[in-house]
Each structure stands twice: as C-alpha cells, then as structure tokens.
Amino acid sequence: MGAAGNTNPAVYTQPHTTDGFYRAYLPAFFVPERLSLLDTAFNLFTFKGMETKFNNILAIPRRLERTAALAWWVQSLYPDESVRPVLVGGAAMELLADGAYITADLDFVGIVPPPVAADLRKARFRQLGRHWIHDEESVSVIFHGHKLRTGERTVEHSFGDYRVFMVSPEDLLIDRLASWRHRESPTHGVQAYLLYQARHGPMDAEHLRKRAITEDVEPALDSVTRLFFKSKGQLPEAEHLGAWASREM
C-alpha cells in the first residue's frame, strides 16, 4: 500500500459524542455489580409500555453494557429467531473492540415486520426510510437489506448479561480492512487494529485469511498483524496508531 502522508485520521479529534472516538485505555470488562440476566429481564418486562422498557435500558450507566442492552432489546422484538436482525457496523465494532470505539448508531442487517415497527413506534422511534430515530435520546437504529454478504457468518456473543446476534469478528475485520484499503480511510485502519488487538486470539484464522483473499485485503491484514507483533500485542499511542493507518494505506 502506498504512502498517504502523515495526517492522523479525524477519529482522534472528534468529540466524545460523535461516531468514531478512540478511547485508548477503556477497561474491557463489565462491572461486577451488574444485574443478573433473570433480574434484568424481570425489571424490563414487568414495566408497562414499550417506551418504559426502552427507557429502562437507557438508564444503564455504563456505555458498553447499554449498547449491548440496546442491541439485545431490538433483537428481542423479534419472537422468531430465524428473522432476527444481525448487528453489524459501528455498534458491533464498539462491542467487539471492548469500547475502544463508540457510536450512536445501531446498524442491523434484517427487515422490520409490521409488529416490530409498531413496537419501535411505541418506544417513540420515528421512521425515516431505513432509519428509526429516537430524537430525545439521540439513538438511531438502521436496517440494511435482508441478509449478510456472501461468505459472512453470524455468531452469538455475550456482553455482560446480554446475548447479541452479530456478524462474526473475522467478517467485521474484513469490512474495516476493505474500507481502509479501497476507500483509503485511515479511520477504518485504526478500527481494524483495535478489533484485531481485542479479538485476535479466538478468531478463526483460516476463515479470516480466506475472506481477506476474496476481498483483496490480504496486504492490509498483513500490515495489521505486523503492527500487532511489533507492538507485542499492546495498543499503541493514539498518535502513533493514526500515523500508521495514514502511512500504510
């Protein structure tokens, strides 16, 4: 990949309320005092009204747990698991990278049947095309198409007390690498490293390499792994990581 100067990506200069803020040293765990799954389900579903259930999730004080709970809540609106939407994009990145990246949007691959649309409206979401927006809480839920792209896998991950159906870490990494390489986006290069650093151990190396070849991002994957071993598996300083992502495009 050719040089692209030493300009750091905007991910380092955006305020914490915007998409893409990089928190270098956020702890990668949930607090021990979190509610049990049984207690959480009881608290959520004994309240009257979909809006109250949604607001109860928003009251969760810790960012990662709230994002996981929001994704779980959306998916719980679908009684049939066969049509349950799959979490992708920035929210999947936030969860899998242990909060080193944050976003206000929840992206899903799936459809919105009429009963689900009715429940979203009860929670005070309004529809704008494929976007469902909660204005008061600045939460946006976006639905993309009917199914994942060819070769992508769905997995189920637990985050605290919440189980979320989402795109696999390997396929999310390939998506970040593709944007870095083909769209020349240093921000996505940073995200690719954050994801690899957080999840490299349990990743399916064979599937990851196969997808990298298919999507023509093998050089980008090799660049990430080189930096990972050079950094001894640690997270580099934000300035260094940004310069690397700009230089290695």
Protein backbone atom coordinates (compact mmCIF):
# COMPACT_ATOMS: atom_id res chain seq x y z
CA MET A 1 0.00 0.00 0.00
CA GLY A 2 1.33 3.40 -0.93
CA ALA A 3 2.17 6.26 1.36
CA ALA A 4 -0.54 8.79 2.09
CA GLY A 5 1.24 11.37 4.22
CA ASN A 6 1.36 11.69 7.99
CA THR A 7 -2.07 13.19 8.64
CA ASN A 8 -3.81 11.46 11.51
CA PRO A 9 -7.42 10.40 10.94
CA ALA A 10 -10.21 12.53 12.33
CA VAL A 11 -11.02 9.79 14.81
CA TYR A 12 -8.67 11.49 17.28
CA THR A 13 -10.16 14.94 17.10
CA GLN A 14 -13.88 14.24 17.19
CA PRO A 15 -15.71 14.97 20.48
CA HIS A 16 -16.84 12.03 22.54
CA THR A 17 -20.46 12.34 21.42
CA THR A 18 -19.69 11.66 17.75
CA ASP A 19 -19.14 8.47 15.81
CA GLY A 20 -15.58 7.23 15.90
CA PHE A 21 -13.99 8.47 19.14
CA TYR A 22 -10.97 6.37 20.13
CA ARG A 23 -10.56 5.65 23.84
CA ALA A 24 -7.15 4.10 24.21
CA TYR A 25 -7.38 2.71 27.71
CA LEU A 26 -11.04 1.98 28.42
CA PRO A 27 -11.32 -1.12 30.66
CA ALA A 28 -12.52 -4.12 28.66
CA PHE A 29 -14.93 -5.57 31.18
CA PHE A 30 -18.33 -5.01 32.74
CA VAL A 31 -18.67 -4.08 36.39
CA PRO A 32 -19.37 -6.92 38.84
CA GLU A 33 -22.48 -5.26 40.28
CA ARG A 34 -24.46 -5.65 37.06
CA LEU A 35 -27.86 -7.29 37.27
CA SER A 36 -28.27 -10.95 36.58
CA LEU A 37 -29.98 -11.89 33.32
CA LEU A 38 -33.07 -13.01 35.24
CA ASP A 39 -33.27 -9.80 37.25
CA THR A 40 -32.71 -7.67 34.15
CA ALA A 41 -35.42 -9.45 32.18
CA PHE A 42 -37.82 -9.11 35.13
CA ASN A 43 -37.12 -5.40 35.51
CA LEU A 44 -37.52 -4.73 31.79
CA PHE A 45 -40.65 -6.71 31.11
CA THR A 46 -42.70 -6.04 34.25
CA PHE A 47 -42.94 -2.36 33.37
CA LYS A 48 -45.94 -1.32 31.31
CA GLY A 49 -45.35 0.01 27.83
CA MET A 50 -42.58 -0.37 25.29
CA GLU A 51 -41.32 3.16 25.96
CA THR A 52 -40.72 2.35 29.63
CA LYS A 53 -38.79 -0.79 28.70
CA PHE A 54 -36.61 1.19 26.32
CA ASN A 55 -36.00 3.98 28.84
CA ASN A 56 -35.05 1.43 31.48
CA ILE A 57 -32.21 0.27 29.21
CA LEU A 58 -31.10 3.85 28.57
CA ALA A 59 -30.73 4.28 32.32
CA ILE A 60 -27.89 1.74 32.38
CA PRO A 61 -24.92 3.93 33.36
CA ARG A 62 -22.07 2.12 31.65
CA ARG A 63 -21.63 2.63 27.93
CA LEU A 64 -20.73 -0.90 26.80
CA GLU A 65 -23.47 -2.56 28.78
CA ARG A 66 -26.03 -0.08 27.48
CA THR A 67 -25.01 -0.64 23.86
CA ALA A 68 -25.27 -4.40 24.34
CA ALA A 69 -28.64 -3.98 26.04
CA LEU A 70 -29.96 -1.79 23.21
CA ALA A 71 -28.92 -4.34 20.59
CA TRP A 72 -30.47 -7.11 22.68
CA TRP A 73 -33.68 -5.08 23.09
CA VAL A 74 -34.08 -4.55 19.33
CA GLN A 75 -33.49 -8.23 18.63
CA SER A 76 -35.89 -9.25 21.42
CA LEU A 77 -38.72 -7.57 19.47
CA TYR A 78 -38.47 -10.48 17.02
CA PRO A 79 -40.03 -13.63 18.56
CA ASP A 80 -38.83 -15.73 15.61
CA GLU A 81 -35.03 -16.12 15.75
CA SER A 82 -34.95 -17.05 12.06
CA VAL A 83 -35.77 -13.45 11.10
CA ARG A 84 -33.91 -11.75 13.94
CA PRO A 85 -31.68 -8.95 12.56
CA VAL A 86 -27.89 -9.22 12.79
CA LEU A 87 -25.86 -6.44 14.42
CA VAL A 88 -23.15 -5.05 12.12
CA GLY A 89 -21.19 -1.82 11.66
CA GLY A 90 -20.11 0.59 14.37
CA ALA A 91 -22.10 -0.87 17.27
CA ALA A 92 -20.69 -4.33 16.56
CA MET A 93 -17.26 -2.71 16.41
CA GLU A 94 -17.85 -0.97 19.75
CA LEU A 95 -18.77 -4.22 21.49
CA LEU A 96 -16.10 -6.41 19.93
CA ALA A 97 -13.34 -3.83 20.47
CA ASP A 98 -14.26 -3.52 24.15
CA GLY A 99 -15.35 0.10 23.87
CA ALA A 100 -12.23 1.48 22.18
CA TYR A 101 -14.60 2.82 19.52
CA ILE A 102 -18.07 4.26 20.15
CA THR A 103 -21.05 5.17 18.00
CA ALA A 104 -24.58 6.48 18.46
CA ASP A 105 -25.97 4.26 15.69
CA LEU A 106 -27.01 0.62 15.79
CA ASP A 107 -26.78 -0.99 12.36
CA PHE A 108 -28.59 -4.23 11.63
CA VAL A 109 -28.97 -6.46 8.60
CA GLY A 110 -32.59 -7.52 8.51
CA ILE A 111 -36.17 -6.47 7.87
CA VAL A 112 -38.73 -4.68 10.04
CA PRO A 113 -42.03 -6.61 10.13
CA PRO A 114 -45.16 -4.58 11.00
CA PRO A 115 -45.33 -5.81 14.64
CA VAL A 116 -41.72 -4.75 15.20
CA ALA A 117 -42.38 -1.36 13.58
CA ALA A 118 -45.34 -0.91 15.93
CA ASP A 119 -43.15 -1.70 18.97
CA LEU A 120 -40.49 0.76 17.83
CA ARG A 121 -43.13 3.47 17.50
CA LYS A 122 -44.42 2.65 20.99
CA ALA A 123 -40.90 3.35 22.23
CA ARG A 124 -41.11 6.77 20.48
CA PHE A 125 -38.96 5.96 17.49
CA ARG A 126 -39.90 7.61 14.21
CA GLN A 127 -39.13 6.12 10.82
CA LEU A 128 -37.12 7.91 8.17
CA GLY A 129 -36.56 5.43 5.36
CA ARG A 130 -34.43 2.61 6.72
CA HIS A 131 -33.56 4.70 9.79
CA TRP A 132 -35.52 4.57 13.04
CA ILE A 133 -34.66 7.61 15.15
CA HIS A 134 -35.28 8.38 18.81
CA ASP A 135 -34.89 12.15 18.89
CA GLU A 136 -34.87 12.68 22.66
CA GLU A 137 -32.12 10.12 23.29
CA SER A 138 -30.20 10.63 20.00
CA VAL A 139 -30.37 6.90 19.24
CA SER A 140 -30.58 5.72 15.64
CA VAL A 141 -31.37 2.16 14.55
CA ILE A 142 -30.66 1.41 10.89
CA PHE A 143 -31.72 -1.66 8.94
CA HIS A 144 -29.69 -2.68 5.86
CA GLY A 145 -31.15 -5.20 3.42
CA HIS A 146 -32.27 -8.73 4.12
CA LYS A 147 -29.11 -10.77 4.60
CA LEU A 148 -25.36 -10.62 5.15
CA ARG A 149 -22.98 -10.55 2.22
CA THR A 150 -21.77 -13.78 0.68
CA GLY A 151 -19.23 -15.50 2.91
CA GLU A 152 -20.13 -13.61 6.09
CA ARG A 153 -21.11 -15.51 9.23
CA THR A 154 -23.47 -14.82 12.11
CA VAL A 155 -22.36 -15.51 15.67
CA GLU A 156 -23.89 -15.03 19.10
CA HIS A 157 -21.80 -13.22 21.71
CA SER A 158 -22.47 -12.48 25.36
CA PHE A 159 -21.69 -9.00 26.66
CA GLY A 160 -22.32 -8.87 30.35
CA ASP A 161 -25.84 -10.25 30.73
CA TYR A 162 -26.87 -9.71 27.12
CA ARG A 163 -26.60 -12.14 24.23
CA VAL A 164 -26.40 -10.45 20.84
CA PHE A 165 -26.63 -11.92 17.34
CA MET A 166 -23.97 -10.21 15.26
CA VAL A 167 -21.60 -10.50 12.32
CA SER A 168 -18.50 -12.53 13.17
CA PRO A 169 -15.37 -10.69 14.37
CA GLU A 170 -13.48 -12.02 11.33
CA ASP A 171 -16.02 -10.63 8.88
CA LEU A 172 -16.24 -7.31 10.69
CA LEU A 173 -12.46 -7.05 10.49
CA ILE A 174 -12.58 -7.73 6.75
CA ASP A 175 -15.18 -4.96 6.38
CA ARG A 176 -12.90 -2.49 8.20
CA LEU A 177 -9.89 -3.57 6.14
CA ALA A 178 -11.83 -3.17 2.89
CA SER A 179 -12.82 0.40 3.77
CA TRP A 180 -9.23 1.17 4.77
CA ARG A 181 -7.74 -0.23 1.58
CA HIS A 182 -10.34 0.53 -1.08
CA ARG A 183 -11.78 3.79 0.29
CA GLU A 184 -8.44 4.99 1.66
CA SER A 185 -9.96 5.68 5.08
CA PRO A 186 -7.34 5.84 7.87
CA THR A 187 -10.13 5.78 10.47
CA HIS A 188 -11.06 2.28 9.33
CA GLY A 189 -7.40 1.25 9.52
CA VAL A 190 -7.39 2.31 13.17
CA GLN A 191 -10.61 0.39 13.75
CA ALA A 192 -9.13 -2.70 12.11
CA TYR A 193 -6.20 -2.67 14.51
CA LEU A 194 -8.42 -2.05 17.55
CA LEU A 195 -10.59 -5.01 16.58
CA TYR A 196 -7.64 -7.31 15.86
CA GLN A 197 -5.92 -6.34 19.10
CA ALA A 198 -9.08 -7.08 21.10
CA ARG A 199 -10.15 -10.31 19.37
CA HIS A 200 -7.19 -11.92 17.60
CA GLY A 201 -6.96 -14.88 19.99
CA PRO A 202 -10.33 -16.54 19.38
CA MET A 203 -10.53 -15.56 15.71
CA ASP A 204 -10.86 -18.25 13.04
CA ALA A 205 -7.57 -17.67 11.24
CA GLU A 206 -8.50 -19.84 8.26
CA HIS A 207 -11.80 -18.05 7.66
CA LEU A 208 -10.13 -14.66 8.15
CA ARG A 209 -7.39 -15.39 5.61
CA LYS A 210 -9.84 -16.83 3.09
CA ARG A 211 -12.08 -13.77 3.29
CA ALA A 212 -9.05 -11.46 3.06
CA ILE A 213 -8.04 -13.10 -0.20
CA THR A 214 -11.58 -12.97 -1.57
CA GLU A 215 -11.99 -9.28 -0.72
CA ASP A 216 -8.47 -8.36 -1.88
CA VAL A 217 -7.37 -7.05 1.53
CA GLU A 218 -4.60 -9.53 2.33
CA PRO A 219 -1.87 -6.81 2.31
CA ALA A 220 -3.95 -4.74 4.73
CA LEU A 221 -4.41 -7.73 7.04
CA ASP A 222 -0.67 -8.41 6.95
CA SER A 223 0.01 -4.78 7.87
CA VAL A 224 -2.27 -5.07 10.91
CA THR A 225 -0.64 -8.30 12.09
CA ARG A 226 2.86 -6.83 11.66
CA LEU A 227 1.99 -3.86 13.83
CA PHE A 228 0.37 -6.16 16.38
CA PHE A 229 3.53 -8.25 16.79
CA LYS A 230 5.79 -5.20 16.65
CA SER A 231 3.72 -3.68 19.47
CA LYS A 232 3.83 -7.01 21.36
CA GLY A 233 0.06 -7.21 21.31
CA GLN A 234 -0.38 -3.86 23.04
CA LEU A 235 -2.35 -0.80 22.00
CA PRO A 236 -0.02 1.87 20.56
CA GLU A 237 -0.39 5.52 21.47
CA ALA A 238 -3.25 7.15 19.55
CA GLU A 239 -0.91 9.47 17.61
CA HIS A 240 1.29 6.58 16.51
CA LEU A 241 -1.67 4.43 15.54
CA GLY A 242 -3.22 7.22 13.48
CA ALA A 243 0.05 7.96 11.67
CA TRP A 244 0.47 4.25 10.91
CA ALA A 245 -3.05 3.99 9.45
CA SER A 246 -2.44 7.02 7.21
CA ARG A 247 1.01 5.86 6.10
CA GLU A 248 0.07 2.23 5.36
CA MET A 249 -2.87 2.89 3.04
